[in-house]
């Protein structure tokens, strides 16, 4: 990975911070990270979002390779294109998978960003989720609960 690209991407993250009167960064609290039983870390909305509203636009770092389980960042890599994966520098990279996802993702290849937006109205306190749109490497907790309620487990 090119160090200059990493530094540039980190500098682009400035939009995620508000600054106080002294010019020090003050983290926005529109999203929170919480631990959910059976899921681990989760991104929780700390405000209401309207359908199609942008939740965040995250700069990305291209990894230069496609996911494989030997990579220590395997569980955090996101699809970018057919040739490489990426890490999005923001909350979106920590969103859990759901087949009933309430967030969508758009790629901006020119600006090297991923935009996360609301698929539907989202209420404060809801978990923000995306559909990973790939073969899952973990047990889908939601699918397991659904199958259990139908007597399929």
N, C-alpha and C. Protein backbone atom coordinates (compact mmCIF):
# COMPACT_ATOMS: atom_id res chain seq x y z
N UNK A 1 0.83 -1.18 0.00
CA UNK A 1 0.00 0.00 0.00
C UNK A 1 0.89 1.25 0.00
N UNK A 2 0.52 2.24 -0.75
CA UNK A 2 1.27 3.48 -0.86
C UNK A 2 0.98 4.36 0.36
N UNK A 3 2.02 4.71 1.12
CA UNK A 3 1.88 5.51 2.34
C UNK A 3 1.25 6.87 2.05
N UNK A 4 1.62 7.49 0.93
CA UNK A 4 1.04 8.79 0.59
C UNK A 4 -0.46 8.69 0.41
N UNK A 5 -0.94 7.59 -0.19
CA UNK A 5 -2.39 7.40 -0.38
C UNK A 5 -3.09 7.25 0.97
N UNK A 6 -2.46 6.55 1.91
CA UNK A 6 -3.05 6.37 3.24
C UNK A 6 -3.15 7.72 3.93
N UNK A 7 -2.10 8.51 3.89
CA UNK A 7 -2.10 9.84 4.53
C UNK A 7 -3.15 10.74 3.88
N UNK A 8 -3.23 10.70 2.55
CA UNK A 8 -4.23 11.50 1.85
C UNK A 8 -5.65 11.09 2.26
N UNK A 9 -5.89 9.79 2.35
CA UNK A 9 -7.22 9.31 2.75
C UNK A 9 -7.55 9.73 4.17
N UNK A 10 -6.57 9.65 5.06
CA UNK A 10 -6.79 10.06 6.45
C UNK A 10 -7.07 11.56 6.54
N UNK A 11 -6.40 12.35 5.71
CA UNK A 11 -6.66 13.79 5.70
C UNK A 11 -8.07 14.09 5.21
N UNK A 12 -8.59 13.25 4.30
CA UNK A 12 -9.95 13.43 3.79
C UNK A 12 -11.01 13.16 4.84
N UNK A 13 -10.63 12.53 5.91
CA UNK A 13 -11.60 12.17 6.95
C UNK A 13 -12.00 13.38 7.79
N UNK A 14 -11.36 14.52 7.57
CA UNK A 14 -11.65 15.72 8.35
C UNK A 14 -13.13 16.08 8.37
N UNK A 15 -13.86 15.71 7.33
CA UNK A 15 -15.29 16.00 7.26
C UNK A 15 -16.09 15.28 8.34
N UNK A 16 -15.51 14.29 8.99
CA UNK A 16 -16.21 13.56 10.04
C UNK A 16 -16.13 14.27 11.39
N UNK A 17 -15.44 15.36 11.45
CA UNK A 17 -15.23 16.04 12.73
C UNK A 17 -15.81 17.45 12.70
N UNK A 18 -16.34 17.86 13.84
CA UNK A 18 -16.70 19.26 14.05
C UNK A 18 -15.58 19.84 14.90
N UNK A 19 -15.42 21.13 14.84
CA UNK A 19 -14.35 21.77 15.60
C UNK A 19 -14.95 22.70 16.64
N UNK A 20 -14.38 22.67 17.84
CA UNK A 20 -14.86 23.57 18.89
C UNK A 20 -14.22 24.94 18.71
N UNK A 21 -14.52 25.86 19.64
CA UNK A 21 -14.03 27.23 19.50
C UNK A 21 -12.51 27.35 19.52
N UNK A 22 -11.82 26.32 20.05
CA UNK A 22 -10.35 26.33 20.07
C UNK A 22 -9.75 25.69 18.82
N UNK A 23 -10.61 25.22 17.92
CA UNK A 23 -10.13 24.58 16.71
C UNK A 23 -9.80 23.11 16.87
N UNK A 24 -10.13 22.53 18.02
CA UNK A 24 -9.88 21.11 18.24
C UNK A 24 -11.03 20.29 17.67
N UNK A 25 -10.69 19.11 17.10
CA UNK A 25 -11.77 18.28 16.53
C UNK A 25 -12.71 17.77 17.61
N UNK A 26 -13.99 17.76 17.28
CA UNK A 26 -15.03 17.29 18.19
C UNK A 26 -15.84 16.27 17.39
N UNK A 27 -15.77 15.00 17.77
CA UNK A 27 -16.41 13.93 17.01
C UNK A 27 -17.92 14.11 16.98
N UNK A 28 -18.51 13.98 15.81
CA UNK A 28 -19.96 14.03 15.67
C UNK A 28 -20.56 12.78 16.29
N UNK A 29 -21.77 12.90 16.74
CA UNK A 29 -22.40 11.75 17.38
C UNK A 29 -23.68 11.34 16.67
N UNK A 30 -23.69 11.42 15.33
CA UNK A 30 -24.86 10.98 14.57
C UNK A 30 -24.95 9.46 14.55
N UNK A 31 -23.83 8.79 14.79
CA UNK A 31 -23.79 7.33 14.86
C UNK A 31 -22.97 6.92 16.06
N UNK A 32 -23.35 5.80 16.66
CA UNK A 32 -22.66 5.28 17.82
C UNK A 32 -22.24 3.85 17.56
N UNK A 33 -21.20 3.40 18.21
CA UNK A 33 -20.79 2.00 18.14
C UNK A 33 -21.21 1.35 19.45
N UNK A 34 -21.97 0.26 19.34
CA UNK A 34 -22.40 -0.49 20.52
C UNK A 34 -22.17 -1.97 20.25
N UNK A 35 -22.10 -2.75 21.31
CA UNK A 35 -22.01 -4.20 21.18
C UNK A 35 -23.40 -4.78 21.29
N UNK A 36 -23.76 -5.64 20.33
CA UNK A 36 -25.05 -6.31 20.34
C UNK A 36 -24.83 -7.80 20.52
N UNK A 37 -25.63 -8.41 21.38
CA UNK A 37 -25.52 -9.84 21.65
C UNK A 37 -25.66 -10.62 20.34
N UNK A 38 -24.73 -11.51 20.09
CA UNK A 38 -24.76 -12.35 18.90
C UNK A 38 -24.20 -11.70 17.66
N UNK A 39 -23.89 -10.39 17.72
CA UNK A 39 -23.39 -9.68 16.54
C UNK A 39 -22.03 -9.02 16.78
N UNK A 40 -21.70 -8.73 18.01
CA UNK A 40 -20.48 -7.97 18.26
C UNK A 40 -20.75 -6.48 18.07
N UNK A 41 -19.77 -5.79 17.48
CA UNK A 41 -19.93 -4.34 17.27
C UNK A 41 -21.02 -4.06 16.26
N UNK A 42 -21.72 -2.96 16.50
CA UNK A 42 -22.79 -2.54 15.59
C UNK A 42 -22.81 -1.02 15.54
N UNK A 43 -23.23 -0.49 14.39
CA UNK A 43 -23.38 0.95 14.22
C UNK A 43 -24.85 1.27 14.47
N UNK A 44 -25.09 2.19 15.41
CA UNK A 44 -26.44 2.57 15.82
C UNK A 44 -26.69 4.02 15.45
N UNK A 45 -27.84 4.27 14.85
CA UNK A 45 -28.21 5.64 14.49
C UNK A 45 -28.50 6.44 15.76
N UNK A 46 -27.96 7.62 15.83
CA UNK A 46 -28.21 8.50 16.98
C UNK A 46 -29.12 9.67 16.58
N UNK A 47 -29.78 9.50 15.43
CA UNK A 47 -30.76 10.49 14.96
C UNK A 47 -31.63 9.81 13.90
N UNK A 48 -32.69 10.48 13.50
CA UNK A 48 -33.56 9.96 12.44
C UNK A 48 -32.96 10.29 11.08
N UNK A 49 -33.16 9.38 10.11
CA UNK A 49 -32.76 9.60 8.72
C UNK A 49 -33.98 9.38 7.83
N UNK A 50 -34.13 10.19 6.81
CA UNK A 50 -35.19 10.03 5.82
C UNK A 50 -34.68 9.13 4.69
N UNK A 51 -35.61 8.44 4.03
CA UNK A 51 -35.26 7.58 2.90
C UNK A 51 -34.44 8.38 1.89
N UNK A 52 -33.37 7.75 1.40
CA UNK A 52 -32.42 8.30 0.41
C UNK A 52 -31.48 9.36 0.97
N UNK A 53 -31.58 9.66 2.25
CA UNK A 53 -30.68 10.65 2.85
C UNK A 53 -29.28 10.04 3.01
N UNK A 54 -28.27 10.85 2.70
CA UNK A 54 -26.89 10.41 2.87
C UNK A 54 -26.58 10.29 4.36
N UNK A 55 -25.99 9.16 4.73
CA UNK A 55 -25.59 8.93 6.12
C UNK A 55 -24.14 9.33 6.29
N UNK A 56 -23.30 8.90 5.36
CA UNK A 56 -21.90 9.35 5.35
C UNK A 56 -21.28 9.07 4.00
N UNK A 57 -20.28 9.87 3.68
CA UNK A 57 -19.46 9.65 2.50
C UNK A 57 -18.05 9.41 3.00
N UNK A 58 -17.59 8.16 2.85
CA UNK A 58 -16.31 7.75 3.45
C UNK A 58 -15.22 7.61 2.39
N UNK A 59 -14.09 8.24 2.60
CA UNK A 59 -12.95 7.98 1.72
C UNK A 59 -12.52 6.52 1.92
N UNK A 60 -11.96 5.93 0.88
CA UNK A 60 -11.53 4.54 0.97
C UNK A 60 -10.03 4.41 0.75
N UNK A 61 -9.49 3.31 1.23
CA UNK A 61 -8.11 2.93 0.92
C UNK A 61 -8.19 1.61 0.17
N UNK A 62 -7.71 1.60 -1.08
CA UNK A 62 -7.69 0.36 -1.85
C UNK A 62 -6.58 -0.52 -1.29
N UNK A 63 -6.88 -1.81 -1.14
CA UNK A 63 -5.90 -2.72 -0.55
C UNK A 63 -4.96 -3.31 -1.58
N UNK A 64 -5.38 -3.38 -2.84
CA UNK A 64 -4.53 -3.95 -3.87
C UNK A 64 -4.67 -5.45 -4.00
N UNK A 65 -5.62 -6.02 -3.30
CA UNK A 65 -5.84 -7.47 -3.40
C UNK A 65 -7.30 -7.78 -3.14
N UNK A 66 -7.68 -9.01 -3.43
CA UNK A 66 -9.02 -9.50 -3.18
C UNK A 66 -9.01 -10.26 -1.86
N UNK A 67 -10.10 -10.21 -1.13
CA UNK A 67 -10.21 -10.85 0.19
C UNK A 67 -9.76 -12.30 0.18
N UNK A 68 -9.04 -12.64 1.21
CA UNK A 68 -8.79 -14.04 1.52
C UNK A 68 -8.60 -14.14 3.03
N UNK A 69 -8.94 -15.28 3.58
CA UNK A 69 -8.98 -15.44 5.03
C UNK A 69 -7.62 -15.30 5.70
N UNK A 70 -6.54 -15.35 4.94
CA UNK A 70 -5.21 -15.21 5.52
C UNK A 70 -4.87 -13.75 5.84
N UNK A 71 -5.62 -12.83 5.26
CA UNK A 71 -5.39 -11.41 5.49
C UNK A 71 -5.94 -11.03 6.87
N UNK A 72 -5.14 -10.39 7.72
CA UNK A 72 -5.63 -10.03 9.06
C UNK A 72 -6.79 -9.03 9.05
N UNK A 73 -6.99 -8.33 7.96
CA UNK A 73 -8.10 -7.37 7.85
C UNK A 73 -9.31 -7.98 7.14
N UNK A 74 -9.28 -9.27 6.92
CA UNK A 74 -10.28 -9.97 6.11
C UNK A 74 -11.71 -9.56 6.45
N UNK A 75 -12.05 -9.52 7.72
CA UNK A 75 -13.44 -9.24 8.11
C UNK A 75 -13.83 -7.78 7.93
N UNK A 76 -12.88 -6.91 7.61
CA UNK A 76 -13.18 -5.49 7.44
C UNK A 76 -13.06 -5.01 6.00
N UNK A 77 -12.66 -5.89 5.10
CA UNK A 77 -12.51 -5.51 3.70
C UNK A 77 -13.87 -5.44 3.01
N UNK A 78 -14.01 -4.47 2.14
CA UNK A 78 -15.25 -4.30 1.38
C UNK A 78 -14.91 -4.38 -0.10
N UNK A 79 -15.87 -4.84 -0.89
CA UNK A 79 -15.67 -4.90 -2.34
C UNK A 79 -15.49 -3.50 -2.89
N UNK A 80 -14.55 -3.35 -3.80
CA UNK A 80 -14.36 -2.10 -4.50
C UNK A 80 -14.62 -2.30 -5.99
N UNK A 81 -13.85 -3.19 -6.60
CA UNK A 81 -14.08 -3.56 -8.00
C UNK A 81 -13.62 -5.01 -8.17
N UNK A 82 -13.52 -5.47 -9.40
CA UNK A 82 -13.13 -6.87 -9.64
C UNK A 82 -11.68 -7.17 -9.27
N UNK A 83 -10.86 -6.13 -9.16
CA UNK A 83 -9.43 -6.33 -8.94
C UNK A 83 -8.96 -6.10 -7.51
N UNK A 84 -9.75 -5.42 -6.72
CA UNK A 84 -9.26 -5.08 -5.38
C UNK A 84 -10.39 -4.85 -4.40
N UNK A 85 -10.08 -5.01 -3.14
CA UNK A 85 -10.98 -4.66 -2.05
C UNK A 85 -10.53 -3.33 -1.48
N UNK A 86 -11.28 -2.85 -0.48
CA UNK A 86 -10.92 -1.58 0.13
C UNK A 86 -11.36 -1.56 1.60
N UNK A 87 -10.88 -0.56 2.29
CA UNK A 87 -11.36 -0.25 3.63
C UNK A 87 -11.93 1.15 3.56
N UNK A 88 -13.19 1.29 3.99
CA UNK A 88 -13.82 2.61 4.03
C UNK A 88 -13.49 3.24 5.38
N UNK A 89 -13.05 4.47 5.37
CA UNK A 89 -12.66 5.17 6.60
C UNK A 89 -13.86 5.90 7.20
N UNK A 90 -14.65 5.17 7.90
CA UNK A 90 -15.84 5.74 8.52
C UNK A 90 -16.64 4.66 9.20
N UNK A 91 -17.82 5.03 9.66
CA UNK A 91 -18.69 4.08 10.34
C UNK A 91 -19.19 2.98 9.41
N UNK A 92 -19.38 3.29 8.14
CA UNK A 92 -19.93 2.32 7.20
C UNK A 92 -19.16 1.02 7.15
N UNK A 93 -17.85 1.09 7.34
CA UNK A 93 -17.03 -0.10 7.30
C UNK A 93 -17.35 -1.04 8.47
N UNK A 94 -18.00 -0.52 9.51
CA UNK A 94 -18.34 -1.33 10.68
C UNK A 94 -19.80 -1.76 10.70
N UNK A 95 -20.56 -1.40 9.65
CA UNK A 95 -21.98 -1.79 9.62
C UNK A 95 -22.10 -3.29 9.42
N UNK A 96 -23.01 -3.91 10.15
CA UNK A 96 -23.27 -5.33 10.03
C UNK A 96 -24.11 -5.64 8.81
N UNK A 97 -24.09 -6.91 8.42
CA UNK A 97 -24.87 -7.41 7.29
C UNK A 97 -26.31 -7.68 7.70
N UNK A 98 -27.22 -7.41 6.77
CA UNK A 98 -28.61 -7.81 6.93
C UNK A 98 -29.21 -7.96 5.54
N UNK A 99 -30.04 -9.01 5.39
CA UNK A 99 -30.76 -9.15 4.12
C UNK A 99 -31.89 -8.12 4.05
N UNK A 100 -32.29 -7.58 5.20
CA UNK A 100 -33.28 -6.50 5.26
C UNK A 100 -32.57 -5.19 5.60
N UNK A 101 -31.44 -4.96 4.94
CA UNK A 101 -30.60 -3.79 5.22
C UNK A 101 -31.40 -2.49 5.10
N UNK A 102 -31.08 -1.55 5.99
CA UNK A 102 -31.74 -0.24 5.94
C UNK A 102 -30.84 0.81 5.30
N UNK A 103 -29.63 0.41 4.90
CA UNK A 103 -28.69 1.33 4.24
C UNK A 103 -28.21 0.72 2.94
N UNK A 104 -27.96 1.57 1.98
CA UNK A 104 -27.36 1.16 0.71
C UNK A 104 -25.99 1.79 0.58
N UNK A 105 -25.24 1.34 -0.41
CA UNK A 105 -23.87 1.83 -0.62
C UNK A 105 -23.67 2.15 -2.10
N UNK A 106 -23.10 3.32 -2.36
CA UNK A 106 -22.74 3.70 -3.73
C UNK A 106 -21.23 3.91 -3.79
N UNK A 107 -20.62 3.43 -4.87
CA UNK A 107 -19.17 3.62 -5.08
C UNK A 107 -18.95 4.84 -5.96
N UNK A 108 -18.00 5.68 -5.59
CA UNK A 108 -17.58 6.77 -6.46
C UNK A 108 -16.12 6.50 -6.80
N UNK A 109 -15.92 5.89 -7.97
CA UNK A 109 -14.57 5.46 -8.35
C UNK A 109 -13.64 6.64 -8.61
N UNK A 110 -14.18 7.75 -9.11
CA UNK A 110 -13.34 8.92 -9.40
C UNK A 110 -12.79 9.53 -8.10
N UNK A 111 -13.67 9.71 -7.10
CA UNK A 111 -13.25 10.33 -5.84
C UNK A 111 -12.73 9.33 -4.82
N UNK A 112 -12.83 8.03 -5.15
CA UNK A 112 -12.44 6.96 -4.23
C UNK A 112 -13.13 7.10 -2.88
N UNK A 113 -14.47 7.11 -2.94
CA UNK A 113 -15.30 7.18 -1.74
C UNK A 113 -16.45 6.17 -1.86
N UNK A 114 -17.00 5.83 -0.71
CA UNK A 114 -18.23 5.05 -0.64
C UNK A 114 -19.25 5.91 0.09
N UNK A 115 -20.43 6.04 -0.50
CA UNK A 115 -21.49 6.81 0.13
C UNK A 115 -22.52 5.83 0.67
N UNK A 116 -22.82 5.97 1.95
CA UNK A 116 -23.83 5.15 2.62
C UNK A 116 -25.07 6.01 2.77
N UNK A 117 -26.23 5.47 2.37
CA UNK A 117 -27.47 6.24 2.39
C UNK A 117 -28.59 5.38 2.96
N UNK A 118 -29.66 6.02 3.41
CA UNK A 118 -30.81 5.32 3.99
C UNK A 118 -31.67 4.73 2.88
N UNK A 119 -31.94 3.42 2.95
CA UNK A 119 -32.84 2.74 2.00
C UNK A 119 -34.30 3.04 2.31
N UNK A 120 -34.55 3.43 3.54
CA UNK A 120 -35.90 3.71 4.04
C UNK A 120 -35.73 4.67 5.20
N UNK A 121 -36.85 5.18 5.73
CA UNK A 121 -36.75 6.01 6.92
C UNK A 121 -36.14 5.18 8.05
N UNK A 122 -35.21 5.78 8.78
CA UNK A 122 -34.53 5.10 9.88
C UNK A 122 -34.74 5.93 11.13
N UNK A 123 -35.11 5.28 12.22
CA UNK A 123 -35.35 5.97 13.48
C UNK A 123 -34.11 5.94 14.37
N UNK A 124 -33.98 6.95 15.18
CA UNK A 124 -32.90 7.02 16.17
C UNK A 124 -32.94 5.74 17.01
N UNK A 125 -31.77 5.14 17.21
CA UNK A 125 -31.67 3.93 18.02
C UNK A 125 -31.63 2.65 17.21
N UNK A 126 -31.94 2.72 15.89
CA UNK A 126 -31.90 1.53 15.04
C UNK A 126 -30.46 1.20 14.66
N UNK A 127 -30.20 -0.09 14.51
CA UNK A 127 -28.91 -0.51 13.97
C UNK A 127 -28.87 -0.18 12.49
N UNK A 128 -27.77 0.38 12.02
CA UNK A 128 -27.58 0.67 10.60
C UNK A 128 -26.91 -0.55 9.97
N UNK A 129 -27.52 -1.11 8.91
CA UNK A 129 -27.01 -2.32 8.29
C UNK A 129 -26.94 -2.17 6.78
N UNK A 130 -26.04 -2.95 6.18
CA UNK A 130 -25.91 -3.02 4.73
C UNK A 130 -25.97 -4.49 4.33
N UNK A 131 -26.22 -4.74 3.06
CA UNK A 131 -26.15 -6.10 2.55
C UNK A 131 -24.76 -6.28 1.96
N UNK A 132 -24.01 -7.25 2.48
CA UNK A 132 -22.64 -7.44 2.02
C UNK A 132 -22.57 -7.93 0.58
N UNK A 133 -23.67 -8.49 0.07
CA UNK A 133 -23.75 -8.94 -1.32
C UNK A 133 -22.57 -9.83 -1.72
N UNK A 134 -22.26 -10.77 -0.84
CA UNK A 134 -21.21 -11.74 -1.13
C UNK A 134 -21.49 -12.99 -0.29
N UNK A 135 -20.72 -14.02 -0.53
CA UNK A 135 -20.85 -15.23 0.28
C UNK A 135 -20.38 -14.89 1.70
N UNK A 136 -21.24 -15.13 2.67
CA UNK A 136 -20.92 -14.76 4.06
C UNK A 136 -19.92 -15.75 4.66
N UNK A 137 -19.01 -15.25 5.45
CA UNK A 137 -17.98 -16.05 6.09
C UNK A 137 -18.32 -16.31 7.56
N UNK A 138 -19.54 -15.97 7.96
CA UNK A 138 -20.00 -16.11 9.33
C UNK A 138 -21.45 -16.58 9.31
N UNK A 139 -21.93 -17.01 10.46
CA UNK A 139 -23.32 -17.45 10.55
C UNK A 139 -24.23 -16.23 10.62
N UNK A 140 -25.20 -16.16 9.73
CA UNK A 140 -26.15 -15.05 9.68
C UNK A 140 -27.14 -15.18 10.84
N UNK A 141 -26.99 -14.36 11.86
CA UNK A 141 -27.82 -14.42 13.07
C UNK A 141 -29.29 -14.20 12.74
N UNK A 142 -29.59 -13.25 11.88
CA UNK A 142 -30.98 -12.97 11.51
C UNK A 142 -31.62 -14.17 10.81
N UNK A 143 -30.87 -14.76 9.87
CA UNK A 143 -31.40 -15.91 9.13
C UNK A 143 -31.62 -17.09 10.08
N UNK A 144 -30.70 -17.28 11.02
CA UNK A 144 -30.82 -18.37 11.99
C UNK A 144 -32.09 -18.20 12.83
N UNK A 145 -32.34 -16.97 13.32
CA UNK A 145 -33.54 -16.69 14.11
C UNK A 145 -34.80 -16.92 13.30
N UNK A 146 -34.79 -16.48 12.04
CA UNK A 146 -35.94 -16.63 11.15
C UNK A 146 -36.24 -18.12 10.92
N UNK A 147 -35.21 -18.90 10.64
CA UNK A 147 -35.38 -20.33 10.42
C UNK A 147 -35.84 -21.04 11.68
N UNK A 148 -35.34 -20.60 12.82
CA UNK A 148 -35.73 -21.22 14.10
C UNK A 148 -37.22 -20.97 14.37
N UNK A 149 -37.68 -19.75 14.08
CA UNK A 149 -39.09 -19.42 14.31
C UNK A 149 -40.01 -20.21 13.38
N UNK A 150 -39.49 -20.64 12.23
CA UNK A 150 -40.27 -21.44 11.28
C UNK A 150 -40.11 -22.94 11.53
N UNK A 151 -39.30 -23.30 12.56
CA UNK A 151 -39.06 -24.70 12.87
C UNK A 151 -38.13 -25.39 11.89
N UNK A 152 -37.26 -24.60 11.20
CA UNK A 152 -36.36 -25.15 10.20
C UNK A 152 -34.97 -25.46 10.74
N UNK A 153 -34.73 -25.18 12.02
CA UNK A 153 -33.39 -25.41 12.57
C UNK A 153 -33.38 -26.70 13.35
